[in-house]
Amino acid sequence: MSLLLNIIWIFLGGAWMAFGWLVAAVVMAITIIGIPWARAAFNIALYALMPFGYTALPRDRVTGQDDIGTGPLGTLGNIVWLLLAGWWLALMHLFWAFLYAITIIGIPFAWAHLKLVGIALWPVGKTIVPNGQAGMPAHPRV
């Protein structure tokens, strides 16, 4: 079912949202100092391309270890991200969620966009894992 939803998602705007995330990643990478955020944006671009069957979790919960992105520096990085790029990516996801929620058929796609709003606002320290591995430590997909 996830595969079918992901295919429909791509044709109904998921490819454009993934492209938006890629643009954010490239802009951050060009600045050199934004490379840590570029990596996060690229990982989330993959998630935005195929959100069904995957979930975003704090990296320390998945690996069982704290790292630089899950501590105070990660919080600071998320604040910078929110001010520079997170708010407009979140607004794009909210816009599409609203449009899809108008129809009953679009509700799963609206829900996927709402999942992406949270990670658009606070991506540093997150990793994407398959839904079956969401409750136990595992190796992340991206």
Protein backbone atom coordinates (compact mmCIF):
# COMPACT_ATOMS: atom_id res chain seq x y z
CA MET A 1 0.00 0.00 0.00
CA SER A 2 2.89 2.37 0.79
CA LEU A 3 4.31 1.93 -2.71
CA LEU A 4 0.99 2.82 -4.34
CA LEU A 5 0.53 5.86 -2.10
CA ASN A 6 4.10 7.00 -2.82
CA ILE A 7 3.55 6.73 -6.58
CA ILE A 8 0.33 8.74 -6.37
CA TRP A 9 2.06 11.21 -4.02
CA ILE A 10 4.83 11.85 -6.55
CA PHE A 11 2.33 12.70 -9.29
CA LEU A 12 0.17 14.86 -7.00
CA GLY A 13 2.91 17.26 -5.99
CA GLY A 14 5.40 15.23 -3.99
CA ALA A 15 8.04 15.70 -6.68
CA TRP A 16 7.65 19.48 -6.42
CA MET A 17 7.98 19.43 -2.64
CA ALA A 18 11.08 17.27 -2.88
CA PHE A 19 12.42 19.77 -5.40
CA GLY A 20 11.78 22.58 -2.88
CA TRP A 21 13.81 20.69 -0.31
CA LEU A 22 16.59 20.17 -2.86
CA VAL A 23 16.66 23.91 -3.62
CA ALA A 24 17.00 24.60 0.11
CA ALA A 25 19.84 22.05 0.30
CA VAL A 26 21.69 23.60 -2.64
CA VAL A 27 21.31 27.14 -1.30
CA MET A 28 22.65 26.04 2.08
CA ALA A 29 25.54 24.13 0.48
CA ILE A 30 26.52 27.14 -1.63
CA THR A 31 26.99 29.21 1.50
CA ILE A 32 29.57 26.66 2.76
CA ILE A 33 28.68 27.48 6.38
CA GLY A 34 25.24 25.99 5.71
CA ILE A 35 26.56 22.53 4.82
CA PRO A 36 25.19 20.83 8.00
CA TRP A 37 21.72 22.11 7.10
CA ALA A 38 22.22 21.13 3.47
CA ARG A 39 22.70 17.52 4.51
CA ALA A 40 19.53 17.60 6.60
CA ALA A 41 17.58 19.21 3.75
CA PHE A 42 18.82 16.63 1.25
CA ASN A 43 17.78 13.77 3.55
CA ILE A 44 14.36 15.29 4.00
CA ALA A 45 14.05 15.80 0.22
CA LEU A 46 14.19 12.02 -0.08
CA TYR A 47 11.56 11.74 2.66
CA ALA A 48 9.39 14.35 0.90
CA LEU A 49 9.63 12.33 -2.30
CA MET A 50 8.39 9.11 -0.67
CA PRO A 51 6.85 9.77 2.78
CA PHE A 52 4.59 6.74 3.04
CA GLY A 53 6.13 3.84 4.92
CA TYR A 54 8.71 6.03 6.67
CA THR A 55 8.80 8.28 9.71
CA ALA A 56 11.13 10.92 11.08
CA LEU A 57 12.54 10.30 14.55
CA PRO A 58 15.15 11.92 16.77
CA ARG A 59 18.50 10.40 15.82
CA ASP A 60 19.47 9.68 19.44
CA ARG A 61 16.31 7.61 19.87
CA VAL A 62 17.19 5.52 16.82
CA THR A 63 20.92 5.06 17.46
CA GLY A 64 20.81 5.11 21.26
CA GLN A 65 23.63 7.69 21.30
CA ASP A 66 23.72 11.45 21.61
CA ASP A 67 25.57 13.38 18.93
CA ILE A 68 26.19 16.99 18.00
CA GLY A 69 22.84 17.31 16.21
CA THR A 70 20.77 16.02 19.13
CA GLY A 71 22.27 18.28 21.80
CA PRO A 72 22.38 22.04 22.41
CA LEU A 73 24.20 22.72 19.13
CA GLY A 74 21.44 20.88 17.29
CA THR A 75 18.86 23.11 18.97
CA LEU A 76 20.83 26.19 17.90
CA GLY A 77 21.07 24.75 14.38
CA ASN A 78 17.31 24.21 14.31
CA ILE A 79 16.67 27.81 15.35
CA VAL A 80 18.91 29.09 12.55
CA TRP A 81 17.21 26.69 10.11
CA LEU A 82 13.76 27.84 11.20
CA LEU A 83 14.63 31.49 10.54
CA LEU A 84 16.36 30.89 7.19
CA ALA A 85 14.42 28.13 5.47
CA GLY A 86 12.13 26.16 7.74
CA TRP A 87 9.24 28.58 7.85
CA TRP A 88 8.73 28.77 4.07
CA LEU A 89 9.04 25.01 3.59
CA ALA A 90 6.54 24.49 6.42
CA LEU A 91 4.16 27.00 4.82
CA MET A 92 4.33 25.14 1.51
CA HIS A 93 3.48 21.87 3.26
CA LEU A 94 0.62 23.52 5.18
CA PHE A 95 -0.79 24.97 1.96
CA TRP A 96 -0.82 21.56 0.26
CA ALA A 97 -2.17 19.84 3.38
CA PHE A 98 -5.10 22.24 3.42
CA LEU A 99 -5.86 21.65 -0.26
CA TYR A 100 -5.70 17.87 0.05
CA ALA A 101 -7.76 17.82 3.27
CA ILE A 102 -10.72 19.35 1.43
CA THR A 103 -11.41 15.99 -0.23
CA ILE A 104 -11.82 12.65 1.50
CA ILE A 105 -9.50 10.97 -0.99
CA GLY A 106 -6.79 13.56 -0.27
CA ILE A 107 -6.72 13.05 3.50
CA PRO A 108 -3.76 10.59 3.50
CA PHE A 109 -1.78 13.08 1.42
CA ALA A 110 -2.76 15.95 3.72
CA TRP A 111 -1.53 13.87 6.65
CA ALA A 112 1.79 13.24 4.89
CA HIS A 113 2.22 16.98 4.37
CA LEU A 114 1.46 17.62 8.05
CA LYS A 115 4.20 15.12 9.00
CA LEU A 116 6.57 17.09 6.80
CA VAL A 117 5.59 20.40 8.44
CA GLY A 118 7.10 19.25 11.74
CA ILE A 119 10.37 18.19 10.20
CA ALA A 120 10.45 21.35 8.05
CA LEU A 121 10.47 23.43 11.20
CA TRP A 122 12.97 21.36 13.23
CA PRO A 123 15.08 18.98 11.03
CA VAL A 124 18.50 18.89 12.70
CA GLY A 125 18.99 15.75 14.78
CA LYS A 126 16.29 13.79 12.95
CA THR A 127 16.64 10.67 10.84
CA ILE A 128 14.23 8.86 8.55
CA VAL A 129 13.46 5.21 9.30
CA PRO A 130 10.97 2.66 7.94
CA ASN A 131 7.75 2.53 9.98
CA GLY A 132 8.50 -1.02 11.13
CA GLN A 133 11.72 0.14 12.80
CA ALA A 134 10.21 3.20 14.50
CA GLY A 135 10.09 1.59 17.93
CA MET A 136 13.55 0.03 18.10
CA PRO A 137 17.12 1.16 17.46
CA ALA A 138 18.01 0.58 13.82
CA HIS A 139 20.16 1.90 11.03
CA PRO A 140 18.61 4.96 9.36
CA ARG A 141 17.61 4.97 5.70
CA VAL A 142 19.29 8.29 4.92
